[in-house]
Amino acid sequence: MIAKLDSLFLIFVVIAIFIPSCTTRIVMAVHDTRETKIASNAININTASSEELERIPHIGPKLAGEIVRFRERHGRFRRPEYLMLIRGFSDTRYREMKDFIRIE
């Protein structure tokens, strides 16, 4: 009986620690996307060719090709954040380049 209570207590502690940290990260990510300041030479990710996409910082030929393939398969990007649905895009990479992309 005591072992069962110890394991339940341990599960409760893990959940209590894990859930607040997840919600904090989610709120911070949403907050970051609202503060985007788009550069005057930002590239439209819905119309740009692979070569044009490579001009965006942190995007090479492989990732530019993935963006074009994703766009052809799923249609236009409705929000710039949807780039993170592409394999190879992380939240960190998106935050580093978000000022250089736009959608219309």
Protein backbone atom coordinates (compact mmCIF):
# COMPACT_ATOMS: atom_id res chain seq x y z
CA MET A 1 0.00 0.00 0.00
CA ILE A 2 2.80 2.43 0.88
CA ALA A 3 4.62 1.66 -2.39
CA LYS A 4 1.43 2.44 -4.30
CA LEU A 5 1.08 5.79 -2.52
CA ASP A 6 4.74 6.61 -3.21
CA SER A 7 4.31 5.95 -6.94
CA LEU A 8 1.12 8.06 -7.05
CA PHE A 9 2.90 10.89 -5.27
CA LEU A 10 5.79 10.67 -7.74
CA ILE A 11 3.38 10.84 -10.70
CA PHE A 12 1.65 13.86 -9.16
CA VAL A 13 4.98 15.68 -8.70
CA VAL A 14 6.04 14.99 -12.29
CA ILE A 15 2.71 16.26 -13.62
CA ALA A 16 2.81 19.34 -11.39
CA ILE A 17 6.27 20.23 -12.68
CA PHE A 18 5.68 19.39 -16.35
CA ILE A 19 2.34 21.10 -17.07
CA PRO A 20 3.23 24.67 -15.99
CA SER A 21 6.46 24.60 -18.00
CA CYS A 22 4.54 23.55 -21.15
CA THR A 23 1.97 26.29 -20.83
CA THR A 24 4.69 28.88 -20.28
CA ARG A 25 6.44 27.88 -23.51
CA ILE A 26 3.20 27.99 -25.48
CA VAL A 27 2.31 31.45 -24.22
CA MET A 28 5.81 32.71 -24.96
CA ALA A 29 5.69 31.34 -28.53
CA VAL A 30 2.38 33.07 -29.21
CA HIS A 31 3.72 36.28 -27.71
CA ASP A 32 6.82 36.17 -29.93
CA THR A 33 4.83 35.83 -33.15
CA ARG A 34 2.78 38.92 -32.40
CA GLU A 35 5.87 41.12 -32.12
CA THR A 36 7.10 40.49 -35.65
CA LYS A 37 8.59 43.51 -37.39
CA ILE A 38 8.74 42.64 -41.08
CA ALA A 39 11.73 43.98 -42.99
CA SER A 40 11.14 46.16 -46.03
CA ASN A 41 12.86 43.57 -48.25
CA ALA A 42 10.91 40.61 -46.82
CA ILE A 43 10.22 37.74 -49.20
CA ASN A 44 6.71 36.44 -49.84
CA ILE A 45 6.91 32.72 -49.06
CA ASN A 46 3.75 32.03 -51.07
CA THR A 47 5.12 33.25 -54.39
CA ALA A 48 8.92 33.04 -54.07
CA SER A 49 10.94 30.60 -56.13
CA SER A 50 13.45 28.28 -54.52
CA GLU A 51 16.29 30.68 -55.44
CA GLU A 52 14.47 33.64 -53.88
CA LEU A 53 13.81 31.67 -50.69
CA GLU A 54 17.54 30.98 -50.35
CA ARG A 55 18.10 34.71 -49.82
CA ILE A 56 16.32 34.43 -46.47
CA PRO A 57 18.80 33.95 -43.61
CA HIS A 58 19.06 30.34 -42.35
CA ILE A 59 17.49 28.85 -45.50
CA GLY A 60 19.67 26.81 -47.83
CA PRO A 61 18.86 25.02 -51.08
CA LYS A 62 17.45 21.92 -49.40
CA LEU A 63 15.09 23.82 -47.10
CA ALA A 64 14.02 26.17 -49.89
CA GLY A 65 13.06 23.13 -51.97
CA GLU A 66 11.10 21.71 -49.04
CA ILE A 67 9.16 24.98 -48.71
CA VAL A 68 8.24 24.94 -52.41
CA ARG A 69 7.20 21.24 -52.27
CA PHE A 70 5.13 21.84 -49.15
CA ARG A 71 3.42 24.82 -50.79
CA GLU A 72 2.67 22.79 -53.95
CA ARG A 73 1.24 19.93 -51.93
CA HIS A 74 -0.76 21.87 -49.31
CA GLY A 75 -1.42 25.25 -50.91
CA ARG A 76 -0.52 28.73 -49.79
CA PHE A 77 0.71 29.49 -46.29
CA ARG A 78 -2.03 31.23 -44.33
CA ARG A 79 0.36 32.23 -41.56
CA PRO A 80 4.16 32.48 -41.58
CA GLU A 81 4.29 30.23 -38.50
CA TYR A 82 3.08 27.32 -40.66
CA LEU A 83 6.65 27.02 -41.91
CA MET A 84 7.29 25.09 -38.70
CA LEU A 85 5.19 22.25 -40.13
CA ILE A 86 8.03 21.55 -42.57
CA ARG A 87 10.63 19.03 -41.49
CA GLY A 88 13.85 20.87 -40.66
CA PHE A 89 12.15 23.96 -39.28
CA SER A 90 12.41 24.52 -35.58
CA ASP A 91 10.95 27.23 -33.43
CA THR A 92 14.44 28.71 -33.04
CA ARG A 93 15.05 28.81 -36.79
CA TYR A 94 11.67 30.43 -37.36
CA ARG A 95 12.30 33.13 -34.76
CA GLU A 96 15.68 33.94 -36.36
CA MET A 97 14.15 34.50 -39.79
CA LYS A 98 10.58 35.68 -39.14
CA ASP A 99 11.43 39.33 -39.86
CA PHE A 100 12.53 38.43 -43.39
CA ILE A 101 9.38 36.62 -44.54
CA ARG A 102 5.86 37.72 -45.36
CA ILE A 103 2.66 36.32 -46.80
CA GLU A 104 -0.02 38.03 -48.86
